[in-house]
Amino acid sequence: EFYRLNPLIQVIHLTGKELYSESCELYRSLSIPCYCREFSSEMRILYSLTDFAISRAGGGALSELSFFNIPALLVP
């Protein structure tokens, strides 16, 4: 429902190997367009497209989000 009210939102989801199939299927079943990948070596490009992130609160993620000045909701 959220996406239908905000159709300009673009979802980029890096899932990791274990959750890739079920994550992509969930977006498809909800008709939410999503760039869904296990991994990306093009993080500079993805971060340049990011206005807000939902991320784990690991040291690497915190460092990258801070470097690109991206506001985030962090999950421990």
C-alpha atoms as a PDB file:
ATOM      1  CA  GLU A   1       0.000   0.000   0.000  1.00  0.00           C
ATOM      2  CA  PHE A   2       2.825   2.401   0.846  1.00  0.00           C
ATOM      3  CA  TYR A   3       4.290   2.120  -2.650  1.00  0.00           C
ATOM      4  CA  ARG A   4       0.924   2.770  -4.313  1.00  0.00           C
ATOM      5  CA  LEU A   5       0.665   6.026  -2.348  1.00  0.00           C
ATOM      6  CA  ASN A   6       4.287   6.946  -3.189  1.00  0.00           C
ATOM      7  CA  PRO A   7       4.956   5.599  -6.706  1.00  0.00           C
ATOM      8  CA  LEU A   8       8.098   7.700  -7.194  1.00  0.00           C
ATOM      9  CA  ILE A   9       9.994   5.674  -4.594  1.00  0.00           C
ATOM     10  CA  GLN A  10      12.726   3.502  -6.076  1.00  0.00           C
ATOM     11  CA  VAL A  11      13.766   0.460  -4.057  1.00  0.00           C
ATOM     12  CA  ILE A  12      17.346  -0.802  -4.233  1.00  0.00           C
ATOM     13  CA  HIS A  13      17.771  -3.966  -2.163  1.00  0.00           C
ATOM     14  CA  LEU A  14      21.074  -5.791  -1.770  1.00  0.00           C
ATOM     15  CA  THR A  15      19.927  -9.017  -0.182  1.00  0.00           C
ATOM     16  CA  GLY A  16      22.936 -11.264   0.203  1.00  0.00           C
ATOM     17  CA  LYS A  17      22.936 -14.746  -1.306  1.00  0.00           C
ATOM     18  CA  GLU A  18      20.599 -16.435   1.190  1.00  0.00           C
ATOM     19  CA  LEU A  19      17.631 -14.063   0.861  1.00  0.00           C
ATOM     20  CA  TYR A  20      17.908 -13.135  -2.813  1.00  0.00           C
ATOM     21  CA  SER A  21      15.178 -15.333  -4.337  1.00  0.00           C
ATOM     22  CA  GLU A  22      12.549 -14.813  -1.664  1.00  0.00           C
ATOM     23  CA  SER A  23      13.205 -11.039  -1.472  1.00  0.00           C
ATOM     24  CA  CYS A  24      12.840 -10.550  -5.216  1.00  0.00           C
ATOM     25  CA  GLU A  25       9.715 -12.706  -5.248  1.00  0.00           C
ATOM     26  CA  LEU A  26       8.179 -10.656  -2.439  1.00  0.00           C
ATOM     27  CA  TYR A  27       8.649  -7.416  -4.412  1.00  0.00           C
ATOM     28  CA  ARG A  28       7.181  -9.062  -7.528  1.00  0.00           C
ATOM     29  CA  SER A  29       4.160 -10.378  -5.603  1.00  0.00           C
ATOM     30  CA  LEU A  30       3.494  -6.877  -4.246  1.00  0.00           C
ATOM     31  CA  SER A  31       4.033  -5.265  -7.692  1.00  0.00           C
ATOM     32  CA  ILE A  32       6.806  -3.072  -6.318  1.00  0.00           C
ATOM     33  CA  PRO A  33       9.528  -2.331  -8.879  1.00  0.00           C
ATOM     34  CA  CYS A  34      12.876  -3.112  -7.292  1.00  0.00           C
ATOM     35  CA  TYR A  35      16.541  -3.295  -8.215  1.00  0.00           C
ATOM     36  CA  CYS A  36      17.190  -6.495  -6.290  1.00  0.00           C
ATOM     37  CA  ARG A  37      20.683  -8.026  -6.279  1.00  0.00           C
ATOM     38  CA  GLU A  38      22.714 -10.361  -4.078  1.00  0.00           C
ATOM     39  CA  PHE A  39      25.720  -8.055  -4.201  1.00  0.00           C
ATOM     40  CA  SER A  40      26.982  -5.032  -6.117  1.00  0.00           C
ATOM     41  CA  SER A  41      30.497  -3.915  -6.914  1.00  0.00           C
ATOM     42  CA  GLU A  42      29.064  -0.553  -8.045  1.00  0.00           C
ATOM     43  CA  MET A  43      28.277   0.875  -4.615  1.00  0.00           C
ATOM     44  CA  ARG A  44      29.412   4.394  -5.579  1.00  0.00           C
ATOM     45  CA  ILE A  45      26.662   4.477  -8.228  1.00  0.00           C
ATOM     46  CA  LEU A  46      24.030   3.010  -5.901  1.00  0.00           C
ATOM     47  CA  TYR A  47      24.911   5.445  -3.114  1.00  0.00           C
ATOM     48  CA  SER A  48      24.700   8.352  -5.574  1.00  0.00           C
ATOM     49  CA  LEU A  49      21.084   7.305  -6.259  1.00  0.00           C
ATOM     50  CA  THR A  50      20.208   7.011  -2.570  1.00  0.00           C
ATOM     51  CA  ASP A  51      18.193   9.614  -0.664  1.00  0.00           C
ATOM     52  CA  PHE A  52      17.500   7.433   2.389  1.00  0.00           C
ATOM     53  CA  ALA A  53      18.765   4.024   3.486  1.00  0.00           C
ATOM     54  CA  ILE A  54      17.545   1.249   5.727  1.00  0.00           C
ATOM     55  CA  SER A  55      20.654  -0.665   6.704  1.00  0.00           C
ATOM     56  CA  ARG A  56      22.304  -2.862   9.283  1.00  0.00           C
ATOM     57  CA  ALA A  57      24.340  -0.884  11.740  1.00  0.00           C
ATOM     58  CA  GLY A  58      27.670  -2.528  10.939  1.00  0.00           C
ATOM     59  CA  GLY A  59      30.894  -0.546  10.888  1.00  0.00           C
ATOM     60  CA  GLY A  60      31.302  -0.742   7.109  1.00  0.00           C
ATOM     61  CA  ALA A  61      27.762   0.406   6.410  1.00  0.00           C
ATOM     62  CA  LEU A  62      28.044   3.257   8.932  1.00  0.00           C
ATOM     63  CA  SER A  63      31.290   4.415   7.359  1.00  0.00           C
ATOM     64  CA  GLU A  64      29.899   4.342   3.816  1.00  0.00           C
ATOM     65  CA  LEU A  65      26.610   6.025   4.721  1.00  0.00           C
ATOM     66  CA  SER A  66      28.519   8.726   6.574  1.00  0.00           C
ATOM     67  CA  PHE A  67      30.952   9.236   3.682  1.00  0.00           C
ATOM     68  CA  PHE A  68      28.060   9.725   1.234  1.00  0.00           C
ATOM     69  CA  ASN A  69      26.073  11.774   3.795  1.00  0.00           C
ATOM     70  CA  ILE A  70      22.999   9.550   3.496  1.00  0.00           C
ATOM     71  CA  PRO A  71      20.365   9.647   6.233  1.00  0.00           C
ATOM     72  CA  ALA A  72      19.457   6.160   7.412  1.00  0.00           C
ATOM     73  CA  LEU A  73      17.322   4.013   9.640  1.00  0.00           C
ATOM     74  CA  LEU A  74      19.817   1.610  11.195  1.00  0.00           C
ATOM     75  CA  VAL A  75      19.027  -1.885  12.410  1.00  0.00           C
ATOM     76  CA  PRO A  76      21.328  -3.404  15.072  1.00  0.00           C
END
